[in-house]
């Protein structure tokens, strides 16, 4: 657990969250600033800052994140209509909380991905 990490606070029960799923490897809760009708964050219980910090020993945790996404999508009613999974890595991607997490977005047509600039 990282001392100043809001997600670690949620995992420890020290910060509020609308939890929709939890097991012994991951937790999932509603995003406080949703970008879609369904916007859930899927977070490993272990503090891993980003994808860049993943090691082989995290393979099971990453699999569990995706398995949780399947379960959450079904519980949230978006499994059959479709949903998007996003992992931001680093400041340029828009990562704000430096604890690995996956966004599950759905509940409406999401359209093209991202706001890219032409280079």
PDB file of N, CA and C in Angstrom:
ATOM      1  N   UNK A   1       0.839  -1.183   0.000  1.00  0.00           N
ATOM      2  CA  UNK A   1       0.000   0.000   0.000  1.00  0.00           C
ATOM      3  C   UNK A   1       0.883   1.245   0.000  1.00  0.00           C
ATOM      4  N   UNK A   2       0.526   2.171  -0.855  1.00  0.00           N
ATOM      5  CA  UNK A   2       1.247   3.442  -0.900  1.00  0.00           C
ATOM      6  C   UNK A   2       0.504   4.453  -0.034  1.00  0.00           C
ATOM      7  N   UNK A   3       1.240   5.166   0.765  1.00  0.00           N
ATOM      8  CA  UNK A   3       0.656   6.075   1.747  1.00  0.00           C
ATOM      9  C   UNK A   3      -0.267   7.130   1.146  1.00  0.00           C
ATOM     10  N   UNK A   4       0.137   7.730   0.033  1.00  0.00           N
ATOM     11  CA  UNK A   4      -0.635   8.836  -0.533  1.00  0.00           C
ATOM     12  C   UNK A   4      -1.496   8.426  -1.724  1.00  0.00           C
ATOM     13  N   UNK A   5      -1.795   7.165  -1.867  1.00  0.00           N
ATOM     14  CA  UNK A   5      -2.563   6.665  -3.008  1.00  0.00           C
ATOM     15  C   UNK A   5      -4.039   6.536  -2.623  1.00  0.00           C
ATOM     16  N   UNK A   6      -4.902   7.263  -3.333  1.00  0.00           N
ATOM     17  CA  UNK A   6      -6.334   7.216  -3.028  1.00  0.00           C
ATOM     18  C   UNK A   6      -6.893   5.810  -3.246  1.00  0.00           C
ATOM     19  N   UNK A   7      -6.399   5.098  -4.255  1.00  0.00           N
ATOM     20  CA  UNK A   7      -6.898   3.744  -4.487  1.00  0.00           C
ATOM     21  C   UNK A   7      -6.496   2.809  -3.353  1.00  0.00           C
ATOM     22  N   UNK A   8      -5.299   2.974  -2.822  1.00  0.00           N
ATOM     23  CA  UNK A   8      -4.896   2.176  -1.653  1.00  0.00           C
ATOM     24  C   UNK A   8      -5.798   2.496  -0.465  1.00  0.00           C
ATOM     25  N   UNK A   9      -6.201   3.762  -0.339  1.00  0.00           N
ATOM     26  CA  UNK A   9      -7.131   4.151   0.719  1.00  0.00           C
ATOM     27  C   UNK A   9      -8.482   3.478   0.557  1.00  0.00           C
ATOM     28  N   UNK A  10      -8.964   3.403  -0.680  1.00  0.00           N
ATOM     29  CA  UNK A  10     -10.232   2.716  -0.950  1.00  0.00           C
ATOM     30  C   UNK A  10     -10.101   1.230  -0.624  1.00  0.00           C
ATOM     31  N   UNK A  11      -9.016   0.618  -1.051  1.00  0.00           N
ATOM     32  CA  UNK A  11      -8.786  -0.808  -0.794  1.00  0.00           C
ATOM     33  C   UNK A  11      -8.768  -1.091   0.706  1.00  0.00           C
ATOM     34  N   UNK A  12      -8.160  -0.189   1.473  1.00  0.00           N
ATOM     35  CA  UNK A  12      -8.057  -0.365   2.927  1.00  0.00           C
ATOM     36  C   UNK A  12      -9.340   0.020   3.659  1.00  0.00           C
ATOM     37  N   UNK A  13     -10.321   0.553   2.943  1.00  0.00           N
ATOM     38  CA  UNK A  13     -11.567   0.979   3.577  1.00  0.00           C
ATOM     39  C   UNK A  13     -11.461   2.324   4.257  1.00  0.00           C
ATOM     40  N   UNK A  14     -10.408   3.074   3.961  1.00  0.00           N
ATOM     41  CA  UNK A  14     -10.186   4.382   4.577  1.00  0.00           C
ATOM     42  C   UNK A  14     -10.742   5.529   3.741  1.00  0.00           C
ATOM     43  N   UNK A  15     -11.126   5.257   2.508  1.00  0.00           N
ATOM     44  CA  UNK A  15     -11.712   6.263   1.620  1.00  0.00           C
ATOM     45  C   UNK A  15     -12.982   5.663   1.021  1.00  0.00           C
ATOM     46  N   UNK A  16     -13.999   6.493   0.800  1.00  0.00           N
ATOM     47  CA  UNK A  16     -15.266   5.961   0.295  1.00  0.00           C
ATOM     48  C   UNK A  16     -15.196   5.603  -1.187  1.00  0.00           C
ATOM     49  N   UNK A  17     -15.995   4.628  -1.570  1.00  0.00           N
ATOM     50  CA  UNK A  17     -16.146   4.237  -2.969  1.00  0.00           C
ATOM     51  C   UNK A  17     -17.408   3.400  -3.102  1.00  0.00           C
ATOM     52  N   UNK A  18     -18.009   3.465  -4.276  1.00  0.00           N
ATOM     53  CA  UNK A  18     -19.170   2.638  -4.586  1.00  0.00           C
ATOM     54  C   UNK A  18     -18.651   1.342  -5.221  1.00  0.00           C
ATOM     55  N   UNK A  19     -18.323   0.383  -4.372  1.00  0.00           N
ATOM     56  CA  UNK A  19     -17.700  -0.871  -4.805  1.00  0.00           C
ATOM     57  C   UNK A  19     -18.753  -1.771  -5.447  1.00  0.00           C
ATOM     58  N   UNK A  20     -18.434  -2.282  -6.639  1.00  0.00           N
ATOM     59  CA  UNK A  20     -19.346  -3.179  -7.346  1.00  0.00           C
ATOM     60  C   UNK A  20     -18.810  -4.605  -7.430  1.00  0.00           C
ATOM     61  N   UNK A  21     -17.527  -4.787  -7.093  1.00  0.00           N
ATOM     62  CA  UNK A  21     -16.918  -6.117  -7.156  1.00  0.00           C
ATOM     63  C   UNK A  21     -15.649  -6.102  -6.316  1.00  0.00           C
ATOM     64  N   UNK A  22     -15.383  -7.229  -5.665  1.00  0.00           N
ATOM     65  CA  UNK A  22     -14.119  -7.389  -4.944  1.00  0.00           C
ATOM     66  C   UNK A  22     -13.837  -8.869  -4.789  1.00  0.00           C
ATOM     67  N   UNK A  23     -12.577  -9.239  -4.977  1.00  0.00           N
ATOM     68  CA  UNK A  23     -12.133 -10.585  -4.658  1.00  0.00           C
ATOM     69  C   UNK A  23     -10.773 -10.465  -3.979  1.00  0.00           C
ATOM     70  N   UNK A  24     -10.019 -11.532  -3.916  1.00  0.00           N
ATOM     71  CA  UNK A  24      -8.751 -11.483  -3.191  1.00  0.00           C
ATOM     72  C   UNK A  24      -7.598 -10.894  -4.006  1.00  0.00           C
ATOM     73  N   UNK A  25      -7.874 -10.440  -5.238  1.00  0.00           N
ATOM     74  CA  UNK A  25      -6.823  -9.854  -6.078  1.00  0.00           C
ATOM     75  C   UNK A  25      -7.159  -8.466  -6.596  1.00  0.00           C
ATOM     76  N   UNK A  26      -8.459  -8.195  -6.817  1.00  0.00           N
ATOM     77  CA  UNK A  26      -8.863  -6.915  -7.411  1.00  0.00           C
ATOM     78  C   UNK A  26     -10.112  -6.361  -6.741  1.00  0.00           C
ATOM     79  N   UNK A  27     -10.301  -5.071  -6.946  1.00  0.00           N
ATOM     80  CA  UNK A  27     -11.508  -4.380  -6.510  1.00  0.00           C
ATOM     81  C   UNK A  27     -12.010  -3.573  -7.702  1.00  0.00           C
ATOM     82  N   UNK A  28     -13.314  -3.395  -7.808  1.00  0.00           N
ATOM     83  CA  UNK A  28     -13.896  -2.579  -8.868  1.00  0.00           C
ATOM     84  C   UNK A  28     -14.915  -1.642  -8.240  1.00  0.00           C
ATOM     85  N   UNK A  29     -14.852  -0.382  -8.646  1.00  0.00           N
ATOM     86  CA  UNK A  29     -15.763   0.618  -8.098  1.00  0.00           C
ATOM     87  C   UNK A  29     -16.094   1.657  -9.154  1.00  0.00           C
ATOM     88  N   UNK A  30     -17.200   2.380  -8.935  1.00  0.00           N
ATOM     89  CA  UNK A  30     -17.653   3.386  -9.889  1.00  0.00           C
ATOM     90  C   UNK A  30     -16.704   4.581  -9.892  1.00  0.00           C
ATOM     91  N   UNK A  31     -16.408   5.071 -11.101  1.00  0.00           N
ATOM     92  CA  UNK A  31     -15.578   6.265 -11.254  1.00  0.00           C
ATOM     93  C   UNK A  31     -16.364   7.471 -10.739  1.00  0.00           C
ATOM     94  N   UNK A  32     -15.706   8.364 -10.003  1.00  0.00           N
ATOM     95  CA  UNK A  32     -16.413   9.529  -9.448  1.00  0.00           C
ATOM     96  C   UNK A  32     -16.645  10.617 -10.496  1.00  0.00           C
ATOM     97  N   UNK A  33     -15.983  10.516 -11.649  1.00  0.00           N
ATOM     98  CA  UNK A  33     -16.209  11.447 -12.757  1.00  0.00           C
ATOM     99  C   UNK A  33     -16.440  10.631 -14.033  1.00  0.00           C
ATOM    100  N   UNK A  34     -17.608   9.975 -14.129  1.00  0.00           N
ATOM    101  CA  UNK A  34     -17.835   9.039 -15.229  1.00  0.00           C
ATOM    102  C   UNK A  34     -17.824   9.706 -16.602  1.00  0.00           C
ATOM    103  N   UNK A  35     -17.260   8.971 -17.562  1.00  0.00           N
ATOM    104  CA  UNK A  35     -17.213   9.406 -18.963  1.00  0.00           C
ATOM    105  C   UNK A  35     -18.216   8.637 -19.816  1.00  0.00           C
ATOM    106  N   UNK A  36     -18.998   7.773 -19.191  1.00  0.00           N
ATOM    107  CA  UNK A  36     -20.012   6.967 -19.872  1.00  0.00           C
ATOM    108  C   UNK A  36     -21.049   6.576 -18.827  1.00  0.00           C
ATOM    109  N   UNK A  37     -22.249   6.161 -19.273  1.00  0.00           N
ATOM    110  CA  UNK A  37     -23.261   5.739 -18.299  1.00  0.00           C
ATOM    111  C   UNK A  37     -22.749   4.664 -17.334  1.00  0.00           C
ATOM    112  N   UNK A  38     -21.925   3.765 -17.828  1.00  0.00           N
ATOM    113  CA  UNK A  38     -21.251   2.783 -16.974  1.00  0.00           C
ATOM    114  C   UNK A  38     -19.759   3.090 -17.057  1.00  0.00           C
ATOM    115  N   UNK A  39     -19.162   3.460 -15.938  1.00  0.00           N
ATOM    116  CA  UNK A  39     -17.715   3.745 -15.894  1.00  0.00           C
ATOM    117  C   UNK A  39     -17.196   3.200 -14.575  1.00  0.00           C
ATOM    118  N   UNK A  40     -16.552   2.056 -14.668  1.00  0.00           N
ATOM    119  CA  UNK A  40     -16.054   1.329 -13.503  1.00  0.00           C
ATOM    120  C   UNK A  40     -14.533   1.258 -13.580  1.00  0.00           C
ATOM    121  N   UNK A  41     -13.873   1.421 -12.451  1.00  0.00           N
ATOM    122  CA  UNK A  41     -12.427   1.257 -12.366  1.00  0.00           C
ATOM    123  C   UNK A  41     -12.127  -0.107 -11.763  1.00  0.00           C
ATOM    124  N   UNK A  42     -11.262  -0.860 -12.411  1.00  0.00           N
ATOM    125  CA  UNK A  42     -10.860  -2.185 -11.947  1.00  0.00           C
ATOM    126  C   UNK A  42      -9.402  -2.078 -11.527  1.00  0.00           C
ATOM    127  N   UNK A  43      -9.149  -2.339 -10.246  1.00  0.00           N
ATOM    128  CA  UNK A  43      -7.876  -1.997  -9.618  1.00  0.00           C
ATOM    129  C   UNK A  43      -7.302  -3.214  -8.884  1.00  0.00           C
ATOM    130  N   UNK A  44      -6.031  -3.532  -9.109  1.00  0.00           N
ATOM    131  CA  UNK A  44      -5.434  -4.610  -8.315  1.00  0.00           C
ATOM    132  C   UNK A  44      -5.265  -4.176  -6.862  1.00  0.00           C
ATOM    133  N   UNK A  45      -5.402  -5.113  -5.943  1.00  0.00           N
ATOM    134  CA  UNK A  45      -5.216  -4.785  -4.527  1.00  0.00           C
ATOM    135  C   UNK A  45      -3.766  -4.415  -4.228  1.00  0.00           C
ATOM    136  N   UNK A  46      -2.841  -5.018  -4.954  1.00  0.00           N
ATOM    137  CA  UNK A  46      -1.425  -4.675  -4.785  1.00  0.00           C
ATOM    138  C   UNK A  46      -1.148  -3.336  -5.462  1.00  0.00           C
ATOM    139  N   UNK A  47      -0.393  -2.480  -4.807  1.00  0.00           N
ATOM    140  CA  UNK A  47      -0.039  -1.187  -5.404  1.00  0.00           C
ATOM    141  C   UNK A  47       1.034  -1.399  -6.470  1.00  0.00           C
ATOM    142  N   UNK A  48       0.613  -1.261  -7.725  1.00  0.00           N
ATOM    143  CA  UNK A  48       1.504  -1.308  -8.884  1.00  0.00           C
ATOM    144  C   UNK A  48       1.295   0.036  -9.575  1.00  0.00           C
ATOM    145  N   UNK A  49       2.306   0.895  -9.674  1.00  0.00           N
ATOM    146  CA  UNK A  49       2.084   2.249 -10.196  1.00  0.00           C
ATOM    147  C   UNK A  49       1.522   2.316 -11.619  1.00  0.00           C
ATOM    148  N   UNK A  50       2.019   1.502 -12.545  1.00  0.00           N
ATOM    149  CA  UNK A  50       1.527   1.567 -13.922  1.00  0.00           C
ATOM    150  C   UNK A  50       1.911   0.294 -14.666  1.00  0.00           C
ATOM    151  N   UNK A  51       1.493   0.217 -15.920  1.00  0.00           N
ATOM    152  CA  UNK A  51       1.866  -0.911 -16.774  1.00  0.00           C
ATOM    153  C   UNK A  51       3.388  -1.035 -16.847  1.00  0.00           C
ATOM    154  N   UNK A  52       4.082   0.086 -16.827  1.00  0.00           N
ATOM    155  CA  UNK A  52       5.546   0.072 -16.910  1.00  0.00           C
ATOM    156  C   UNK A  52       6.203  -0.639 -15.731  1.00  0.00           C
ATOM    157  N   UNK A  53       5.468  -0.845 -14.665  1.00  0.00           N
ATOM    158  CA  UNK A  53       6.005  -1.486 -13.464  1.00  0.00           C
ATOM    159  C   UNK A  53       5.616  -2.957 -13.346  1.00  0.00           C
ATOM    160  N   UNK A  54       4.892  -3.472 -14.339  1.00  0.00           N
ATOM    161  CA  UNK A  54       4.489  -4.875 -14.294  1.00  0.00           C
ATOM    162  C   UNK A  54       5.689  -5.790 -14.483  1.00  0.00           C
ATOM    163  N   UNK A  55       5.661  -6.890 -13.750  1.00  0.00           N
ATOM    164  CA  UNK A  55       6.687  -7.923 -13.852  1.00  0.00           C
ATOM    165  C   UNK A  55       5.991  -9.261 -14.093  1.00  0.00           C
ATOM    166  N   UNK A  56       6.760 -10.263 -14.432  1.00  0.00           N
ATOM    167  CA  UNK A  56       6.190 -11.581 -14.705  1.00  0.00           C
ATOM    168  C   UNK A  56       5.337 -12.076 -13.535  1.00  0.00           C
ATOM    169  N   UNK A  57       5.734 -11.754 -12.326  1.00  0.00           N
ATOM    170  CA  UNK A  57       4.987 -12.214 -11.148  1.00  0.00           C
ATOM    171  C   UNK A  57       3.579 -11.615 -11.078  1.00  0.00           C
ATOM    172  N   UNK A  58       3.301 -10.570 -11.873  1.00  0.00           N
ATOM    173  CA  UNK A  58       1.982  -9.935 -11.882  1.00  0.00           C
ATOM    174  C   UNK A  58       1.024 -10.548 -12.906  1.00  0.00           C
ATOM    175  N   UNK A  59       1.462 -11.573 -13.630  1.00  0.00           N
ATOM    176  CA  UNK A  59       0.632 -12.142 -14.698  1.00  0.00           C
ATOM    177  C   UNK A  59      -0.741 -12.579 -14.185  1.00  0.00           C
ATOM    178  N   UNK A  60      -0.778 -13.247 -13.061  1.00  0.00           N
ATOM    179  CA  UNK A  60      -2.059 -13.700 -12.493  1.00  0.00           C
ATOM    180  C   UNK A  60      -2.937 -12.509 -12.124  1.00  0.00           C
ATOM    181  N   UNK A  61      -2.352 -11.461 -11.580  1.00  0.00           N
ATOM    182  CA  UNK A  61      -3.116 -10.264 -11.205  1.00  0.00           C
ATOM    183  C   UNK A  61      -3.749  -9.625 -12.435  1.00  0.00           C
ATOM    184  N   UNK A  62      -2.984  -9.508 -13.505  1.00  0.00           N
ATOM    185  CA  UNK A  62      -3.512  -8.912 -14.739  1.00  0.00           C
ATOM    186  C   UNK A  62      -4.648  -9.769 -15.289  1.00  0.00           C
ATOM    187  N   UNK A  63      -4.473 -11.083 -15.296  1.00  0.00           N
ATOM    188  CA  UNK A  63      -5.560 -11.966 -15.731  1.00  0.00           C
ATOM    189  C   UNK A  63      -6.799 -11.748 -14.866  1.00  0.00           C
ATOM    190  N   UNK A  64      -6.610 -11.625 -13.567  1.00  0.00           N
ATOM    191  CA  UNK A  64      -7.744 -11.434 -12.653  1.00  0.00           C
ATOM    192  C   UNK A  64      -8.450 -10.102 -12.926  1.00  0.00           C
ATOM    193  N   UNK A  65      -7.699  -9.078 -13.333  1.00  0.00           N
ATOM    194  CA  UNK A  65      -8.321  -7.799 -13.707  1.00  0.00           C
ATOM    195  C   UNK A  65      -9.262  -7.997 -14.898  1.00  0.00           C
ATOM    196  N   UNK A  66      -8.814  -8.729 -15.905  1.00  0.00           N
ATOM    197  CA  UNK A  66      -9.654  -8.967 -17.081  1.00  0.00           C
ATOM    198  C   UNK A  66     -10.835  -9.876 -16.751  1.00  0.00           C
ATOM    199  N   UNK A  67     -10.630 -10.848 -15.899  1.00  0.00           N
ATOM    200  CA  UNK A  67     -11.740 -11.720 -15.468  1.00  0.00           C
ATOM    201  C   UNK A  67     -12.769 -10.903 -14.690  1.00  0.00           C
ATOM    202  N   UNK A  68     -12.296 -10.000 -13.838  1.00  0.00           N
ATOM    203  CA  UNK A  68     -13.208  -9.106 -13.113  1.00  0.00           C
ATOM    204  C   UNK A  68     -13.980  -8.227 -14.092  1.00  0.00           C
ATOM    205  N   UNK A  69     -13.325  -7.773 -15.152  1.00  0.00           N
ATOM    206  CA  UNK A  69     -14.005  -6.949 -16.158  1.00  0.00           C
ATOM    207  C   UNK A  69     -15.173  -7.714 -16.773  1.00  0.00           C
ATOM    208  N   UNK A  70     -14.983  -8.989 -17.063  1.00  0.00           N
ATOM    209  CA  UNK A  70     -16.067  -9.805 -17.613  1.00  0.00           C
ATOM    210  C   UNK A  70     -17.237  -9.883 -16.634  1.00  0.00           C
ATOM    211  N   UNK A  71     -16.928 -10.122 -15.378  1.00  0.00           N
ATOM    212  CA  UNK A  71     -17.964 -10.235 -14.344  1.00  0.00           C
ATOM    213  C   UNK A  71     -18.692  -8.911 -14.156  1.00  0.00           C
ATOM    214  N   UNK A  72     -17.933  -7.829 -14.062  1.00  0.00           N
ATOM    215  CA  UNK A  72     -18.529  -6.501 -13.867  1.00  0.00           C
ATOM    216  C   UNK A  72     -19.388  -6.129 -15.072  1.00  0.00           C
ATOM    217  N   UNK A  73     -18.912  -6.400 -16.281  1.00  0.00           N
ATOM    218  CA  UNK A  73     -19.692  -6.089 -17.481  1.00  0.00           C
ATOM    219  C   UNK A  73     -21.040  -6.800 -17.451  1.00  0.00           C
ATOM    220  N   UNK A  74     -21.038  -8.049 -17.017  1.00  0.00           N
ATOM    221  CA  UNK A  74     -22.303  -8.783 -16.924  1.00  0.00           C
ATOM    222  C   UNK A  74     -23.206  -8.172 -15.855  1.00  0.00           C
ATOM    223  N   UNK A  75     -22.656  -7.888 -14.682  1.00  0.00           N
ATOM    224  CA  UNK A  75     -23.450  -7.310 -13.590  1.00  0.00           C
ATOM    225  C   UNK A  75     -23.997  -5.930 -13.938  1.00  0.00           C
ATOM    226  N   UNK A  76     -23.254  -5.176 -14.734  1.00  0.00           N
ATOM    227  CA  UNK A  76     -23.670  -3.820 -15.103  1.00  0.00           C
ATOM    228  C   UNK A  76     -24.556  -3.797 -16.355  1.00  0.00           C
ATOM    229  N   UNK A  77     -24.797  -4.963 -16.948  1.00  0.00           N
ATOM    230  CA  UNK A  77     -25.696  -5.066 -18.090  1.00  0.00           C
ATOM    231  C   UNK A  77     -25.110  -4.610 -19.417  1.00  0.00           C
ATOM    232  N   UNK A  78     -23.780  -4.639 -19.556  1.00  0.00           N
ATOM    233  CA  UNK A  78     -23.167  -4.193 -20.811  1.00  0.00           C
ATOM    234  C   UNK A  78     -22.433  -5.316 -21.545  1.00  0.00           C
ATOM    235  N   UNK A  79     -22.468  -6.510 -21.003  1.00  0.00           N
ATOM    236  CA  UNK A  79     -21.722  -7.620 -21.616  1.00  0.00           C
ATOM    237  C   UNK A  79     -22.179  -7.884 -23.050  1.00  0.00           C
ATOM    238  N   UNK A  80     -23.482  -7.888 -23.281  1.00  0.00           N
ATOM    239  CA  UNK A  80     -23.986  -8.233 -24.613  1.00  0.00           C
ATOM    240  C   UNK A  80     -23.962  -7.053 -25.581  1.00  0.00           C
ATOM    241  N   UNK A  81     -24.050  -5.828 -25.080  1.00  0.00           N
ATOM    242  CA  UNK A  81     -24.075  -4.658 -25.966  1.00  0.00           C
ATOM    243  C   UNK A  81     -22.687  -4.124 -26.266  1.00  0.00           C
ATOM    244  N   UNK A  82     -21.735  -4.411 -25.410  1.00  0.00           N
ATOM    245  CA  UNK A  82     -20.357  -4.007 -25.648  1.00  0.00           C
ATOM    246  C   UNK A  82     -19.850  -2.996 -24.639  1.00  0.00           C
ATOM    247  N   UNK A  83     -18.549  -3.018 -24.465  1.00  0.00           N
ATOM    248  CA  UNK A  83     -17.892  -2.107 -23.528  1.00  0.00           C
ATOM    249  C   UNK A  83     -16.449  -1.930 -23.953  1.00  0.00           C
ATOM    250  N   UNK A  84     -15.833  -0.894 -23.433  1.00  0.00           N
ATOM    251  CA  UNK A  84     -14.438  -0.577 -23.747  1.00  0.00           C
ATOM    252  C   UNK A  84     -13.606  -0.734 -22.490  1.00  0.00           C
ATOM    253  N   UNK A  85     -12.411  -1.300 -22.641  1.00  0.00           N
ATOM    254  CA  UNK A  85     -11.446  -1.392 -21.549  1.00  0.00           C
ATOM    255  C   UNK A  85     -10.244  -0.531 -21.912  1.00  0.00           C
ATOM    256  N   UNK A  86      -9.825   0.323 -20.974  1.00  0.00           N
ATOM    257  CA  UNK A  86      -8.713   1.242 -21.218  1.00  0.00           C
ATOM    258  C   UNK A  86      -7.781   1.220 -20.018  1.00  0.00           C
ATOM    259  N   UNK A  87      -6.479   1.151 -20.290  1.00  0.00           N
ATOM    260  CA  UNK A  87      -5.468   1.331 -19.250  1.00  0.00           C
ATOM    261  C   UNK A  87      -4.570   2.477 -19.696  1.00  0.00           C
ATOM    262  N   UNK A  88      -4.583   3.571 -18.966  1.00  0.00           N
ATOM    263  CA  UNK A  88      -3.706   4.703 -19.241  1.00  0.00           C
ATOM    264  C   UNK A  88      -2.383   4.482 -18.520  1.00  0.00           C
ATOM    265  N   UNK A  89      -1.291   4.852 -19.185  1.00  0.00           N
ATOM    266  CA  UNK A  89       0.039   4.663 -18.605  1.00  0.00           C
ATOM    267  C   UNK A  89       0.850   5.939 -18.768  1.00  0.00           C
ATOM    268  N   UNK A  90       1.099   6.613 -17.657  1.00  0.00           N
ATOM    269  CA  UNK A  90       1.918   7.822 -17.674  1.00  0.00           C
ATOM    270  C   UNK A  90       1.114   9.089 -17.901  1.00  0.00           C
ATOM    271  N   UNK A  91       1.722  10.231 -17.609  1.00  0.00           N
ATOM    272  CA  UNK A  91       1.029  11.520 -17.681  1.00  0.00           C
ATOM    273  C   UNK A  91       0.463  11.851 -19.065  1.00  0.00           C
ATOM    274  N   UNK A  92       1.194  11.563 -20.144  1.00  0.00           N
ATOM    275  CA  UNK A  92       0.696  11.902 -21.482  1.00  0.00           C
ATOM    276  C   UNK A  92      -0.548  11.111 -21.866  1.00  0.00           C
ATOM    277  N   UNK A  93      -0.770   9.983 -21.224  1.00  0.00           N
ATOM    278  CA  UNK A  93      -1.953   9.173 -21.517  1.00  0.00           C
ATOM    279  C   UNK A  93      -3.179   9.674 -20.771  1.00  0.00           C
ATOM    280  N   UNK A  94      -2.947  10.498 -19.763  1.00  0.00           N
ATOM    281  CA  UNK A  94      -4.041  10.952 -18.915  1.00  0.00           C
ATOM    282  C   UNK A  94      -4.105  10.228 -17.586  1.00  0.00           C
ATOM    283  N   UNK A  95      -3.111   9.376 -17.285  1.00  0.00           N
ATOM    284  CA  UNK A  95      -3.109   8.701 -15.985  1.00  0.00           C
ATOM    285  C   UNK A  95      -2.940   9.747 -14.891  1.00  0.00           C
ATOM    286  N   UNK A  96      -3.873   9.764 -13.956  1.00  0.00           N
ATOM    287  CA  UNK A  96      -3.857  10.733 -12.858  1.00  0.00           C
ATOM    288  C   UNK A  96      -3.523  10.046 -11.539  1.00  0.00           C
ATOM    289  N   UNK A  97      -4.081   8.868 -11.327  1.00  0.00           N
ATOM    290  CA  UNK A  97      -3.788   8.093 -10.122  1.00  0.00           C
ATOM    291  C   UNK A  97      -2.758   7.034 -10.509  1.00  0.00           C
ATOM    292  N   UNK A  98      -1.603   7.084  -9.863  1.00  0.00           N
ATOM    293  CA  UNK A  98      -0.516   6.183 -10.229  1.00  0.00           C
ATOM    294  C   UNK A  98      -0.567   4.893  -9.408  1.00  0.00           C
ATOM    295  N   UNK A  99      -1.667   4.189  -9.644  1.00  0.00           N
ATOM    296  CA  UNK A  99      -1.930   2.833  -9.162  1.00  0.00           C
ATOM    297  C   UNK A  99      -2.621   2.181 -10.351  1.00  0.00           C
ATOM    298  N   UNK A 100      -2.011   1.162 -10.916  1.00  0.00           N
ATOM    299  CA  UNK A 100      -2.551   0.514 -12.104  1.00  0.00           C
ATOM    300  C   UNK A 100      -4.055   0.330 -11.977  1.00  0.00           C
ATOM    301  N   UNK A 101      -4.781   0.702 -13.025  1.00  0.00           N
ATOM    302  CA  UNK A 101      -6.221   0.481 -13.043  1.00  0.00           C
ATOM    303  C   UNK A 101      -6.714   0.448 -14.483  1.00  0.00           C
ATOM    304  N   UNK A 102      -7.824  -0.235 -14.662  1.00  0.00           N
ATOM    305  CA  UNK A 102      -8.452  -0.376 -15.965  1.00  0.00           C
ATOM    306  C   UNK A 102      -9.830   0.265 -15.898  1.00  0.00           C
ATOM    307  N   UNK A 103     -10.144   1.077 -16.898  1.00  0.00           N
ATOM    308  CA  UNK A 103     -11.465   1.683 -17.014  1.00  0.00           C
ATOM    309  C   UNK A 103     -12.352   0.754 -17.834  1.00  0.00           C
ATOM    310  N   UNK A 104     -13.534   0.460 -17.336  1.00  0.00           N
ATOM    311  CA  UNK A 104     -14.558  -0.248 -18.091  1.00  0.00           C
ATOM    312  C   UNK A 104     -15.638   0.775 -18.386  1.00  0.00           C
ATOM    313  N   UNK A 105     -15.866   1.046 -19.673  1.00  0.00           N
ATOM    314  CA  UNK A 105     -16.845   2.047 -20.091  1.00  0.00           C
ATOM    315  C   UNK A 105     -17.887   1.404 -20.985  1.00  0.00           C
ATOM    316  N   UNK A 106     -19.151   1.761 -20.784  1.00  0.00           N
ATOM    317  CA  UNK A 106     -20.220   1.213 -21.605  1.00  0.00           C
ATOM    318  C   UNK A 106     -21.546   1.848 -21.253  1.00  0.00           C
ATOM    319  N   UNK A 107     -22.601   1.205 -21.702  1.00  0.00           N
ATOM    320  CA  UNK A 107     -23.940   1.688 -21.391  1.00  0.00           C
ATOM    321  C   UNK A 107     -24.531   2.589 -22.453  1.00  0.00           C
ATOM    322  N   UNK A 108     -23.771   2.904 -23.495  1.00  0.00           N
ATOM    323  CA  UNK A 108     -24.216   3.731 -24.613  1.00  0.00           C
ATOM    324  C   UNK A 108     -23.181   3.574 -25.723  1.00  0.00           C
ATOM    325  N   UNK A 109     -23.556   3.884 -26.972  1.00  0.00           N
ATOM    326  CA  UNK A 109     -22.541   3.868 -28.027  1.00  0.00           C
ATOM    327  C   UNK A 109     -21.431   4.863 -27.683  1.00  0.00           C
ATOM    328  N   UNK A 110     -20.195   4.397 -27.695  1.00  0.00           N
ATOM    329  CA  UNK A 110     -19.073   5.230 -27.266  1.00  0.00           C
ATOM    330  C   UNK A 110     -18.413   5.984 -28.408  1.00  0.00           C
ATOM    331  N   UNK A 111     -18.659   5.586 -29.629  1.00  0.00           N
ATOM    332  CA  UNK A 111     -18.066   6.285 -30.760  1.00  0.00           C
ATOM    333  C   UNK A 111     -16.581   6.013 -30.886  1.00  0.00           C
ATOM    334  N   UNK A 112     -15.907   6.792 -31.763  1.00  0.00           N
ATOM    335  CA  UNK A 112     -14.468   6.598 -31.962  1.00  0.00           C
ATOM    336  C   UNK A 112     -13.697   6.814 -30.673  1.00  0.00           C
ATOM    337  N   UNK A 113     -12.588   6.115 -30.565  1.00  0.00           N
ATOM    338  CA  UNK A 113     -11.794   6.186 -29.344  1.00  0.00           C
ATOM    339  C   UNK A 113     -10.905   7.412 -29.322  1.00  0.00           C
ATOM    340  N   UNK A 114     -10.887   8.087 -28.195  1.00  0.00           N
ATOM    341  CA  UNK A 114      -9.894   9.116 -27.909  1.00  0.00           C
ATOM    342  C   UNK A 114     -10.069  10.425 -28.645  1.00  0.00           C
ATOM    343  N   UNK A 115      -9.270  11.367 -28.245  1.00  0.00           N
ATOM    344  CA  UNK A 115      -9.221  12.690 -28.866  1.00  0.00           C
ATOM    345  C   UNK A 115      -7.799  12.877 -29.366  1.00  0.00           C
ATOM    346  N   UNK A 116      -7.522  12.274 -30.497  1.00  0.00           N
ATOM    347  CA  UNK A 116      -6.160  12.300 -31.029  1.00  0.00           C
ATOM    348  C   UNK A 116      -5.941  13.530 -31.889  1.00  0.00           C
ATOM    349  N   UNK A 117      -4.718  14.013 -31.870  1.00  0.00           N
ATOM    350  CA  UNK A 117      -4.317  15.099 -32.761  1.00  0.00           C
ATOM    351  C   UNK A 117      -3.636  14.481 -33.964  1.00  0.00           C
ATOM    352  N   UNK A 118      -3.807  15.118 -35.103  1.00  0.00           N
ATOM    353  CA  UNK A 118      -3.050  14.693 -36.278  1.00  0.00           C
ATOM    354  C   UNK A 118      -1.620  15.157 -36.128  1.00  0.00           C
ATOM    355  N   UNK A 119      -0.697  14.276 -36.438  1.00  0.00           N
ATOM    356  CA  UNK A 119       0.723  14.619 -36.304  1.00  0.00           C
ATOM    357  C   UNK A 119       1.328  14.825 -37.673  1.00  0.00           C
TER     358      UNK A 119
END
